[in-house]
Amino acid sequence: MMLAWALRQRDTREIFGQVVRIVGAATKTVFGLVPVGNTGGSNVSPFKPMVIPEDLRHILDAAEHRS
């Protein structure tokens, strides 16, 4: 969805950043190397873990318990 947004905005920097993130996620997720809470924008390091706000934490916890 971030790539689609970047394409609609015609933001070449964000498009490139999202393509790199998609490739990275496809190759790193299976090894658990994707940081928790990362917002996914190209202006944030793809390796930087970020704090998940409390109002969203319960949604993620509930989804995790269902899987």
PDB file of N, CA and C in Angstrom:
ATOM      1  N   MET A   1       0.820  -1.190   0.000  1.00  0.00           N
ATOM      2  CA  MET A   1       0.000   0.000   0.000  1.00  0.00           C
ATOM      3  C   MET A   1       0.866   1.257   0.000  1.00  0.00           C
ATOM      4  N   MET A   2       2.028   1.151   0.675  1.00  0.00           N
ATOM      5  CA  MET A   2       2.939   2.304   0.686  1.00  0.00           C
ATOM      6  C   MET A   2       3.484   2.558  -0.730  1.00  0.00           C
ATOM      7  N   LEU A   3       3.748   1.484  -1.463  1.00  0.00           N
ATOM      8  CA  LEU A   3       4.236   1.640  -2.846  1.00  0.00           C
ATOM      9  C   LEU A   3       3.149   2.265  -3.715  1.00  0.00           C
ATOM     10  N   ALA A   4       1.912   1.815  -3.555  1.00  0.00           N
ATOM     11  CA  ALA A   4       0.801   2.388  -4.327  1.00  0.00           C
ATOM     12  C   ALA A   4       0.660   3.878  -4.034  1.00  0.00           C
ATOM     13  N   TRP A   5       0.791   4.239  -2.743  1.00  0.00           N
ATOM     14  CA  TRP A   5       0.712   5.649  -2.381  1.00  0.00           C
ATOM     15  C   TRP A   5       1.830   6.443  -3.055  1.00  0.00           C
ATOM     16  N   ALA A   6       3.049   5.890  -3.014  1.00  0.00           N
ATOM     17  CA  ALA A   6       4.200   6.577  -3.621  1.00  0.00           C
ATOM     18  C   ALA A   6       3.999   6.749  -5.124  1.00  0.00           C
ATOM     19  N   LEU A   7       3.439   5.740  -5.762  1.00  0.00           N
ATOM     20  CA  LEU A   7       3.170   5.837  -7.203  1.00  0.00           C
ATOM     21  C   LEU A   7       2.141   6.928  -7.492  1.00  0.00           C
ATOM     22  N   ARG A   8       1.082   6.983  -6.690  1.00  0.00           N
ATOM     23  CA  ARG A   8       0.065   8.029  -6.882  1.00  0.00           C
ATOM     24  C   ARG A   8       0.664   9.421  -6.677  1.00  0.00           C
ATOM     25  N   GLN A   9       1.608   9.538  -5.754  1.00  0.00           N
ATOM     26  CA  GLN A   9       2.246  10.829  -5.466  1.00  0.00           C
ATOM     27  C   GLN A   9       3.357  11.169  -6.463  1.00  0.00           C
ATOM     28  N   ARG A  10       3.742  10.162  -7.253  1.00  0.00           N
ATOM     29  CA  ARG A  10       4.876  10.300  -8.192  1.00  0.00           C
ATOM     30  C   ARG A  10       6.157  10.718  -7.462  1.00  0.00           C
ATOM     31  N   ASP A  11       6.338  10.115  -6.284  1.00  0.00           N
ATOM     32  CA  ASP A  11       7.489  10.408  -5.432  1.00  0.00           C
ATOM     33  C   ASP A  11       8.561   9.345  -5.699  1.00  0.00           C
ATOM     34  N   THR A  12       9.530   9.671  -6.553  1.00  0.00           N
ATOM     35  CA  THR A  12      10.525   8.679  -6.976  1.00  0.00           C
ATOM     36  C   THR A  12      11.373   8.172  -5.814  1.00  0.00           C
ATOM     37  N   ARG A  13      11.687   9.031  -4.869  1.00  0.00           N
ATOM     38  CA  ARG A  13      12.465   8.604  -3.709  1.00  0.00           C
ATOM     39  C   ARG A  13      11.690   7.560  -2.899  1.00  0.00           C
ATOM     40  N   GLU A  14      10.414   7.822  -2.666  1.00  0.00           N
ATOM     41  CA  GLU A  14       9.580   6.892  -1.902  1.00  0.00           C
ATOM     42  C   GLU A  14       9.347   5.600  -2.685  1.00  0.00           C
ATOM     43  N   ILE A  15       9.166   5.694  -3.986  1.00  0.00           N
ATOM     44  CA  ILE A  15       8.989   4.501  -4.825  1.00  0.00           C
ATOM     45  C   ILE A  15      10.213   3.604  -4.700  1.00  0.00           C
ATOM     46  N   PHE A  16      11.391   4.170  -4.869  1.00  0.00           N
ATOM     47  CA  PHE A  16      12.632   3.393  -4.748  1.00  0.00           C
ATOM     48  C   PHE A  16      12.749   2.783  -3.355  1.00  0.00           C
ATOM     49  N   GLY A  17      12.471   3.588  -2.330  1.00  0.00           N
ATOM     50  CA  GLY A  17      12.547   3.112  -0.955  1.00  0.00           C
ATOM     51  C   GLY A  17      11.590   1.954  -0.694  1.00  0.00           C
ATOM     52  N   GLN A  18      10.393   2.026  -1.240  1.00  0.00           N
ATOM     53  CA  GLN A  18       9.415   0.961  -1.041  1.00  0.00           C
ATOM     54  C   GLN A  18       9.796  -0.315  -1.786  1.00  0.00           C
ATOM     55  N   VAL A  19      10.353  -0.180  -2.972  1.00  0.00           N
ATOM     56  CA  VAL A  19      10.809  -1.367  -3.713  1.00  0.00           C
ATOM     57  C   VAL A  19      11.919  -2.063  -2.913  1.00  0.00           C
ATOM     58  N   VAL A  20      12.848  -1.298  -2.380  1.00  0.00           N
ATOM     59  CA  VAL A  20      13.919  -1.869  -1.562  1.00  0.00           C
ATOM     60  C   VAL A  20      13.324  -2.563  -0.337  1.00  0.00           C
ATOM     61  N   ARG A  21      12.345  -1.951   0.310  1.00  0.00           N
ATOM     62  CA  ARG A  21      11.709  -2.545   1.489  1.00  0.00           C
ATOM     63  C   ARG A  21      10.963  -3.838   1.143  1.00  0.00           C
ATOM     64  N   ILE A  22      10.293  -3.865   0.000  1.00  0.00           N
ATOM     65  CA  ILE A  22       9.560  -5.064  -0.404  1.00  0.00           C
ATOM     66  C   ILE A  22      10.524  -6.222  -0.626  1.00  0.00           C
ATOM     67  N   VAL A  23      11.604  -5.964  -1.323  1.00  0.00           N
ATOM     68  CA  VAL A  23      12.616  -7.005  -1.546  1.00  0.00           C
ATOM     69  C   VAL A  23      13.216  -7.446  -0.216  1.00  0.00           C
ATOM     70  N   GLY A  24      13.529  -6.495   0.627  1.00  0.00           N
ATOM     71  CA  GLY A  24      14.095  -6.823   1.932  1.00  0.00           C
ATOM     72  C   GLY A  24      13.141  -7.625   2.785  1.00  0.00           C
ATOM     73  N   ALA A  25      11.878  -7.240   2.806  1.00  0.00           N
ATOM     74  CA  ALA A  25      10.888  -7.965   3.605  1.00  0.00           C
ATOM     75  C   ALA A  25      10.703  -9.386   3.089  1.00  0.00           C
ATOM     76  N   ALA A  26      10.726  -9.537   1.773  1.00  0.00           N
ATOM     77  CA  ALA A  26      10.548 -10.867   1.184  1.00  0.00           C
ATOM     78  C   ALA A  26      11.699 -11.798   1.542  1.00  0.00           C
ATOM     79  N   THR A  27      12.862 -11.242   1.768  1.00  0.00           N
ATOM     80  CA  THR A  27      14.035 -12.081   2.055  1.00  0.00           C
ATOM     81  C   THR A  27      14.408 -12.127   3.534  1.00  0.00           C
ATOM     82  N   LYS A  28      13.900 -11.219   4.343  1.00  0.00           N
ATOM     83  CA  LYS A  28      14.316 -11.134   5.750  1.00  0.00           C
ATOM     84  C   LYS A  28      13.243 -11.564   6.746  1.00  0.00           C
ATOM     85  N   THR A  29      11.976 -11.470   6.393  1.00  0.00           N
ATOM     86  CA  THR A  29      10.890 -11.769   7.319  1.00  0.00           C
ATOM     87  C   THR A  29      10.982 -13.184   7.862  1.00  0.00           C
ATOM     88  N   VAL A  30      11.287 -14.134   7.006  1.00  0.00           N
ATOM     89  CA  VAL A  30      11.349 -15.532   7.416  1.00  0.00           C
ATOM     90  C   VAL A  30      12.407 -15.764   8.506  1.00  0.00           C
ATOM     91  N   PHE A  31      13.398 -14.901   8.565  1.00  0.00           N
ATOM     92  CA  PHE A  31      14.460 -15.017   9.564  1.00  0.00           C
ATOM     93  C   PHE A  31      14.216 -14.134  10.792  1.00  0.00           C
ATOM     94  N   GLY A  32      13.072 -13.455  10.828  1.00  0.00           N
ATOM     95  CA  GLY A  32      12.730 -12.606  11.966  1.00  0.00           C
ATOM     96  C   GLY A  32      13.534 -11.323  12.030  1.00  0.00           C
ATOM     97  N   LEU A  33      13.986 -10.833  10.893  1.00  0.00           N
ATOM     98  CA  LEU A  33      14.848  -9.656  10.880  1.00  0.00           C
ATOM     99  C   LEU A  33      14.110  -8.347  10.595  1.00  0.00           C
ATOM    100  N   VAL A  34      12.783  -8.392  10.576  1.00  0.00           N
ATOM    101  CA  VAL A  34      12.008  -7.168  10.355  1.00  0.00           C
ATOM    102  C   VAL A  34      11.686  -6.571  11.722  1.00  0.00           C
ATOM    103  N   PRO A  35      12.066  -5.313  11.967  1.00  0.00           N
ATOM    104  CA  PRO A  35      11.869  -4.727  13.296  1.00  0.00           C
ATOM    105  C   PRO A  35      10.401  -4.439  13.610  1.00  0.00           C
ATOM    106  N   VAL A  36      10.047  -4.626  14.854  1.00  0.00           N
ATOM    107  CA  VAL A  36       8.686  -4.370  15.315  1.00  0.00           C
ATOM    108  C   VAL A  36       8.418  -2.880  15.347  1.00  0.00           C
ATOM    109  N   GLY A  37       7.225  -2.481  14.900  1.00  0.00           N
ATOM    110  CA  GLY A  37       6.791  -1.098  15.013  1.00  0.00           C
ATOM    111  C   GLY A  37       7.275  -0.160  13.927  1.00  0.00           C
ATOM    112  N   ASN A  38       8.116  -0.618  13.026  1.00  0.00           N
ATOM    113  CA  ASN A  38       8.649   0.260  11.987  1.00  0.00           C
ATOM    114  C   ASN A  38       7.510   0.723  11.089  1.00  0.00           C
ATOM    115  N   THR A  39       7.448   2.026  10.842  1.00  0.00           N
ATOM    116  CA  THR A  39       6.345   2.608  10.076  1.00  0.00           C
ATOM    117  C   THR A  39       6.407   2.298   8.586  1.00  0.00           C
ATOM    118  N   GLY A  40       7.555   1.955   8.074  1.00  0.00           N
ATOM    119  CA  GLY A  40       7.662   1.537   6.680  1.00  0.00           C
ATOM    120  C   GLY A  40       7.906   2.627   5.666  1.00  0.00           C
ATOM    121  N   GLY A  41       8.061   3.845   6.088  1.00  0.00           N
ATOM    122  CA  GLY A  41       8.362   4.926   5.153  1.00  0.00           C
ATOM    123  C   GLY A  41       9.835   4.917   4.768  1.00  0.00           C
ATOM    124  N   SER A  42      10.130   5.453   3.604  1.00  0.00           N
ATOM    125  CA  SER A  42      11.526   5.456   3.157  1.00  0.00           C
ATOM    126  C   SER A  42      12.380   6.445   3.945  1.00  0.00           C
ATOM    127  N   ASN A  43      11.748   7.298   4.756  1.00  0.00           N
ATOM    128  CA  ASN A  43      12.506   8.245   5.572  1.00  0.00           C
ATOM    129  C   ASN A  43      12.940   7.640   6.910  1.00  0.00           C
ATOM    130  N   VAL A  44      12.664   6.340   7.120  1.00  0.00           N
ATOM    131  CA  VAL A  44      13.034   5.633   8.342  1.00  0.00           C
ATOM    132  C   VAL A  44      13.864   4.418   7.957  1.00  0.00           C
ATOM    133  N   SER A  45      14.941   4.176   8.674  1.00  0.00           N
ATOM    134  CA  SER A  45      15.757   2.994   8.401  1.00  0.00           C
ATOM    135  C   SER A  45      14.900   1.734   8.488  1.00  0.00           C
ATOM    136  N   PRO A  46      15.032   0.825   7.513  1.00  0.00           N
ATOM    137  CA  PRO A  46      14.236  -0.403   7.562  1.00  0.00           C
ATOM    138  C   PRO A  46      14.647  -1.330   8.705  1.00  0.00           C
ATOM    139  N   PHE A  47      15.737  -1.034   9.380  1.00  0.00           N
ATOM    140  CA  PHE A  47      16.228  -1.863  10.479  1.00  0.00           C
ATOM    141  C   PHE A  47      15.911  -1.276  11.852  1.00  0.00           C
ATOM    142  N   LYS A  48      15.309  -0.079  11.888  1.00  0.00           N
ATOM    143  CA  LYS A  48      15.067   0.613  13.154  1.00  0.00           C
ATOM    144  C   LYS A  48      13.757   0.153  13.797  1.00  0.00           C
ATOM    145  N   PRO A  49      13.847  -0.464  14.989  1.00  0.00           N
ATOM    146  CA  PRO A  49      12.613  -0.787  15.718  1.00  0.00           C
ATOM    147  C   PRO A  49      12.014   0.508  16.271  1.00  0.00           C
ATOM    148  N   MET A  50      10.704   0.559  16.338  1.00  0.00           N
ATOM    149  CA  MET A  50      10.030   1.759  16.831  1.00  0.00           C
ATOM    150  C   MET A  50       8.980   1.358  17.865  1.00  0.00           C
ATOM    151  N   VAL A  51       8.691   2.274  18.766  1.00  0.00           N
ATOM    152  CA  VAL A  51       7.695   2.030  19.802  1.00  0.00           C
ATOM    153  C   VAL A  51       6.310   2.003  19.160  1.00  0.00           C
ATOM    154  N   ILE A  52       5.515   0.994  19.526  1.00  0.00           N
ATOM    155  CA  ILE A  52       4.138   0.909  19.040  1.00  0.00           C
ATOM    156  C   ILE A  52       3.252   1.627  20.054  1.00  0.00           C
ATOM    157  N   PRO A  53       2.470   2.617  19.594  1.00  0.00           N
ATOM    158  CA  PRO A  53       1.604   3.336  20.527  1.00  0.00           C
ATOM    159  C   PRO A  53       0.617   2.387  21.222  1.00  0.00           C
ATOM    160  N   GLU A  54       0.299   2.688  22.474  1.00  0.00           N
ATOM    161  CA  GLU A  54      -0.582   1.833  23.272  1.00  0.00           C
ATOM    162  C   GLU A  54      -1.940   1.625  22.614  1.00  0.00           C
ATOM    163  N   ASP A  55      -2.466   2.657  21.934  1.00  0.00           N
ATOM    164  CA  ASP A  55      -3.788   2.513  21.335  1.00  0.00           C
ATOM    165  C   ASP A  55      -3.793   1.519  20.167  1.00  0.00           C
ATOM    166  N   LEU A  56      -2.620   1.210  19.632  1.00  0.00           N
ATOM    167  CA  LEU A  56      -2.521   0.218  18.557  1.00  0.00           C
ATOM    168  C   LEU A  56      -2.021  -1.130  19.068  1.00  0.00           C
ATOM    169  N   ARG A  57      -1.334  -1.137  20.193  1.00  0.00           N
ATOM    170  CA  ARG A  57      -0.750  -2.362  20.744  1.00  0.00           C
ATOM    171  C   ARG A  57      -1.806  -3.439  20.957  1.00  0.00           C
ATOM    172  N   HIS A  58      -2.978  -3.076  21.505  1.00  0.00           N
ATOM    173  CA  HIS A  58      -4.011  -4.085  21.781  1.00  0.00           C
ATOM    174  C   HIS A  58      -4.563  -4.704  20.494  1.00  0.00           C
ATOM    175  N   ILE A  59      -4.604  -3.951  19.417  1.00  0.00           N
ATOM    176  CA  ILE A  59      -5.063  -4.487  18.128  1.00  0.00           C
ATOM    177  C   ILE A  59      -4.077  -5.538  17.625  1.00  0.00           C
ATOM    178  N   LEU A  60      -2.796  -5.229  17.709  1.00  0.00           N
ATOM    179  CA  LEU A  60      -1.771  -6.179  17.255  1.00  0.00           C
ATOM    180  C   LEU A  60      -1.721  -7.415  18.148  1.00  0.00           C
ATOM    181  N   ASP A  61      -1.872  -7.213  19.460  1.00  0.00           N
ATOM    182  CA  ASP A  61      -1.881  -8.351  20.382  1.00  0.00           C
ATOM    183  C   ASP A  61      -3.046  -9.296  20.077  1.00  0.00           C
ATOM    184  N   ALA A  62      -4.223  -8.712  19.830  1.00  0.00           N
ATOM    185  CA  ALA A  62      -5.403  -9.533  19.535  1.00  0.00           C
ATOM    186  C   ALA A  62      -5.209 -10.305  18.224  1.00  0.00           C
ATOM    187  N   ALA A  63      -4.635  -9.679  17.219  1.00  0.00           N
ATOM    188  CA  ALA A  63      -4.394 -10.353  15.941  1.00  0.00           C
ATOM    189  C   ALA A  63      -3.360 -11.459  16.100  1.00  0.00           C
ATOM    190  N   GLU A  64      -2.372 -11.235  16.936  1.00  0.00           N
ATOM    191  CA  GLU A  64      -1.324 -12.243  17.171  1.00  0.00           C
ATOM    192  C   GLU A  64      -1.894 -13.483  17.854  1.00  0.00           C
ATOM    193  N   HIS A  65      -2.849 -13.288  18.749  1.00  0.00           N
ATOM    194  CA  HIS A  65      -3.452 -14.411  19.475  1.00  0.00           C
ATOM    195  C   HIS A  65      -4.382 -15.236  18.587  1.00  0.00           C
ATOM    196  N   ARG A  66      -4.907 -14.620  17.525  1.00  0.00           N
ATOM    197  CA  ARG A  66      -5.795 -15.330  16.599  1.00  0.00           C
ATOM    198  C   ARG A  66      -5.026 -16.217  15.642  1.00  0.00           C
ATOM    199  N   SER A  67      -3.755 -15.898  15.376  1.00  0.00           N
ATOM    200  CA  SER A  67      -3.003 -16.690  14.391  1.00  0.00           C
ATOM    201  C   SER A  67      -2.294 -17.863  15.003  1.00  0.00           C
TER     202      SER A  67
END
